[in-house]
Amino acid sequence: LPPYPWQRERHWFDPTPDLRSRRSHGVDSGHPLLGRRLRSARPTWESDLGEPRLSYLDGHVVHNRVVFPGAAYVEIALAAASQLRGGGPLTIEHVELERLLPLPERSDCALQCLVDDRDSVEVHSSPNGEPLDWTRRATARLGPHTDPPHCVDLSSIKDGLGLGMSAFA
């Protein structure tokens, strides 16, 4: 040991809480509004509205206030359904917008999307840094998985009816 007392100085880089939370918060879904899939008992995604790629949200102004668009809730539900069902035709039913989400500062808000076993989707918001203060903003239900529409050969239908191309010109 050295003959002098220890200085007890730290020389390590402490990541910011935001950087630390991003590392521990799961896998990016690839969808800017849906965000990262969290490790959880039921499918849950979280997004930070302060991300630069969501700057277009600042343009949604209602009565001189920036608010989160209602269509964005539907987009989040569709993105969650796509992640769970692997794409294909998707339907959303019974969308209910419960509370307006004002965005005076986008960087101060986080969204979570949760899907339960009955295919009910909930979107909650929280001020960043407040892990226990979540407010439900919207709900929806994922509709039944439908088969893709069948392609129909229009010329065979016309020929079967005895109609020539001149009848549709």
Protein backbone atom coordinates (compact mmCIF):
# COMPACT_ATOMS: atom_id res chain seq x y z
CA LEU A 1 0.00 0.00 0.00
CA PRO A 2 1.16 3.53 -0.57
CA PRO A 3 2.49 5.40 2.51
CA TYR A 4 0.01 8.28 1.98
CA PRO A 5 -3.76 8.24 2.75
CA TRP A 6 -6.21 7.39 -0.05
CA GLN A 7 -7.67 10.43 -1.76
CA ARG A 8 -11.00 8.69 -2.54
CA GLU A 9 -11.55 10.64 -5.74
CA ARG A 10 -13.66 9.07 -8.44
CA HIS A 11 -12.57 9.29 -12.04
CA TRP A 12 -15.46 7.53 -13.72
CA PHE A 13 -17.97 8.86 -16.19
CA ASP A 14 -21.50 8.82 -14.73
CA PRO A 15 -24.04 8.58 -17.55
CA THR A 16 -26.98 10.93 -17.34
CA PRO A 17 -30.25 9.39 -16.08
CA ASP A 18 -31.73 9.71 -19.58
CA LEU A 19 -28.85 7.76 -21.13
CA ARG A 20 -29.02 5.12 -18.39
CA SER A 21 -32.79 4.67 -18.83
CA ARG A 22 -32.47 4.29 -22.60
CA ARG A 23 -29.94 1.52 -22.17
CA SER A 24 -32.10 -0.40 -19.73
CA HIS A 25 -35.42 0.10 -21.50
CA GLY A 26 -35.53 -2.69 -24.01
CA VAL A 27 -35.44 -2.98 -27.77
CA ASP A 28 -36.34 -0.25 -30.24
CA SER A 29 -39.50 -1.13 -32.18
CA GLY A 30 -38.47 0.90 -35.21
CA HIS A 31 -41.61 3.03 -34.91
CA PRO A 32 -41.01 6.59 -33.66
CA LEU A 33 -44.26 6.91 -31.70
CA LEU A 34 -44.32 3.36 -30.31
CA GLY A 35 -40.74 3.52 -29.05
CA ARG A 36 -38.93 0.74 -27.18
CA ARG A 37 -40.43 -2.60 -26.17
CA LEU A 38 -39.99 -2.99 -22.43
CA ARG A 39 -39.28 -6.19 -20.58
CA SER A 40 -42.65 -6.74 -18.94
CA ALA A 41 -45.29 -9.37 -18.17
CA ARG A 42 -47.56 -7.96 -20.87
CA PRO A 43 -46.58 -6.24 -24.14
CA THR A 44 -45.50 -2.71 -23.25
CA TRP A 45 -43.70 -0.02 -25.24
CA GLU A 46 -42.37 3.33 -24.09
CA SER A 47 -41.41 6.38 -26.13
CA ASP A 48 -39.86 9.72 -25.26
CA LEU A 49 -41.69 12.54 -27.04
CA GLY A 50 -38.59 14.74 -26.73
CA GLU A 51 -36.78 12.85 -29.49
CA PRO A 52 -35.77 15.09 -32.41
CA ARG A 53 -37.46 12.82 -34.98
CA LEU A 54 -40.83 13.74 -33.40
CA SER A 55 -40.40 17.50 -33.92
CA TYR A 56 -43.40 17.47 -36.29
CA LEU A 57 -45.64 17.17 -33.20
CA ASP A 58 -44.90 20.83 -32.47
CA GLY A 59 -47.02 21.73 -35.50
CA HIS A 60 -50.25 20.29 -34.08
CA VAL A 61 -51.76 23.37 -32.46
CA VAL A 62 -55.33 23.62 -31.16
CA HIS A 63 -56.49 26.94 -29.70
CA ASN A 64 -52.89 28.20 -29.58
CA ARG A 65 -51.69 25.15 -27.62
CA VAL A 66 -49.52 22.32 -28.86
CA VAL A 67 -51.38 19.05 -28.20
CA PHE A 68 -50.75 15.40 -29.01
CA PRO A 69 -52.83 14.47 -32.11
CA GLY A 70 -55.71 12.04 -31.76
CA ALA A 71 -54.62 10.24 -34.94
CA ALA A 72 -51.27 9.51 -33.25
CA TYR A 73 -53.06 7.35 -30.64
CA VAL A 74 -54.56 5.28 -33.47
CA GLU A 75 -51.13 5.05 -35.10
CA ILE A 76 -49.61 3.79 -31.83
CA ALA A 77 -52.33 1.13 -31.49
CA LEU A 78 -51.81 0.01 -35.11
CA ALA A 79 -48.04 -0.16 -34.61
CA ALA A 80 -48.47 -2.27 -31.46
CA ALA A 81 -50.88 -4.59 -33.31
CA SER A 82 -48.39 -4.90 -36.16
CA GLN A 83 -45.60 -5.80 -33.72
CA LEU A 84 -47.77 -8.44 -32.01
CA ARG A 85 -49.46 -9.93 -35.06
CA GLY A 86 -46.63 -9.64 -37.54
CA GLY A 87 -48.21 -7.22 -39.99
CA GLY A 88 -51.00 -8.07 -42.40
CA PRO A 89 -54.47 -6.52 -42.30
CA LEU A 90 -55.12 -4.82 -38.96
CA THR A 91 -58.24 -3.32 -37.48
CA ILE A 92 -58.75 -1.08 -34.49
CA GLU A 93 -62.15 -0.84 -32.82
CA HIS A 94 -63.73 1.30 -30.12
CA VAL A 95 -61.11 4.06 -29.94
CA GLU A 96 -61.75 6.32 -26.96
CA LEU A 97 -59.74 9.49 -26.48
CA GLU A 98 -60.06 10.10 -22.74
CA ARG A 99 -57.86 13.09 -21.98
CA LEU A 100 -56.15 15.76 -24.03
CA LEU A 101 -52.35 15.67 -23.81
CA PRO A 102 -50.95 19.20 -23.96
CA LEU A 103 -47.31 19.38 -25.01
CA PRO A 104 -45.88 22.71 -23.87
CA GLU A 105 -42.49 20.96 -23.73
CA ARG A 106 -42.26 17.69 -25.67
CA SER A 107 -39.03 16.79 -23.88
CA ASP A 108 -40.93 16.57 -20.61
CA CYS A 109 -43.26 13.75 -21.66
CA ALA A 110 -43.10 9.98 -22.05
CA LEU A 111 -45.76 7.66 -23.50
CA GLN A 112 -46.44 4.02 -22.73
CA CYS A 113 -48.58 1.66 -24.80
CA LEU A 114 -49.85 -1.48 -23.07
CA VAL A 115 -51.72 -4.41 -24.63
CA ASP A 116 -53.46 -6.99 -22.44
CA ASP A 117 -54.48 -10.56 -23.23
CA ARG A 118 -57.94 -9.44 -24.44
CA ASP A 119 -56.30 -7.22 -27.11
CA SER A 120 -57.18 -4.04 -25.25
CA VAL A 121 -54.72 -1.21 -25.92
CA GLU A 122 -54.07 1.61 -23.46
CA VAL A 123 -51.87 4.66 -24.01
CA HIS A 124 -50.61 6.47 -20.90
CA SER A 125 -48.45 9.57 -20.49
CA SER A 126 -46.12 10.70 -17.74
CA PRO A 127 -43.85 13.62 -17.17
CA ASN A 128 -40.27 12.38 -17.72
CA GLY A 129 -38.62 11.52 -14.46
CA GLU A 130 -41.93 10.72 -12.73
CA PRO A 131 -42.16 6.91 -12.84
CA LEU A 132 -45.31 6.71 -10.70
CA ASP A 133 -47.35 9.50 -12.27
CA TRP A 134 -49.05 7.91 -15.32
CA THR A 135 -52.32 9.22 -16.82
CA ARG A 136 -54.40 7.13 -19.23
CA ARG A 137 -55.00 9.17 -22.39
CA ALA A 138 -56.63 6.73 -24.83
CA THR A 139 -57.94 3.19 -25.15
CA ALA A 140 -58.77 0.99 -28.12
CA ARG A 141 -59.43 -2.62 -28.94
CA LEU A 142 -57.59 -4.57 -31.60
CA GLY A 143 -60.10 -6.00 -34.05
CA PRO A 144 -60.16 -9.57 -35.28
CA HIS A 145 -57.35 -10.63 -37.56
CA THR A 146 -58.88 -10.56 -41.02
CA ASP A 147 -57.76 -12.35 -44.15
CA PRO A 148 -56.39 -10.18 -46.94
CA PRO A 149 -58.91 -9.24 -49.61
CA HIS A 150 -59.10 -11.68 -52.51
CA CYS A 151 -57.95 -10.53 -55.93
CA VAL A 152 -60.66 -10.66 -58.53
CA ASP A 153 -60.00 -10.96 -62.25
CA LEU A 154 -62.25 -8.28 -63.69
CA SER A 155 -61.90 -9.49 -67.28
CA SER A 156 -63.22 -12.97 -66.40
CA ILE A 157 -66.26 -11.42 -64.72
CA LYS A 158 -66.92 -9.28 -67.80
CA ASP A 159 -66.58 -12.31 -70.08
CA GLY A 160 -68.89 -14.37 -67.84
CA LEU A 161 -71.58 -11.69 -68.03
CA GLY A 162 -71.26 -11.46 -71.78
CA LEU A 163 -70.19 -7.88 -71.61
CA GLY A 164 -67.44 -6.71 -73.88
CA MET A 165 -64.92 -4.04 -73.10
CA SER A 166 -67.07 -1.55 -75.03
CA ALA A 167 -69.75 -1.74 -72.33
CA PHE A 168 -67.33 -0.23 -69.79
CA ALA A 169 -65.74 2.37 -72.10
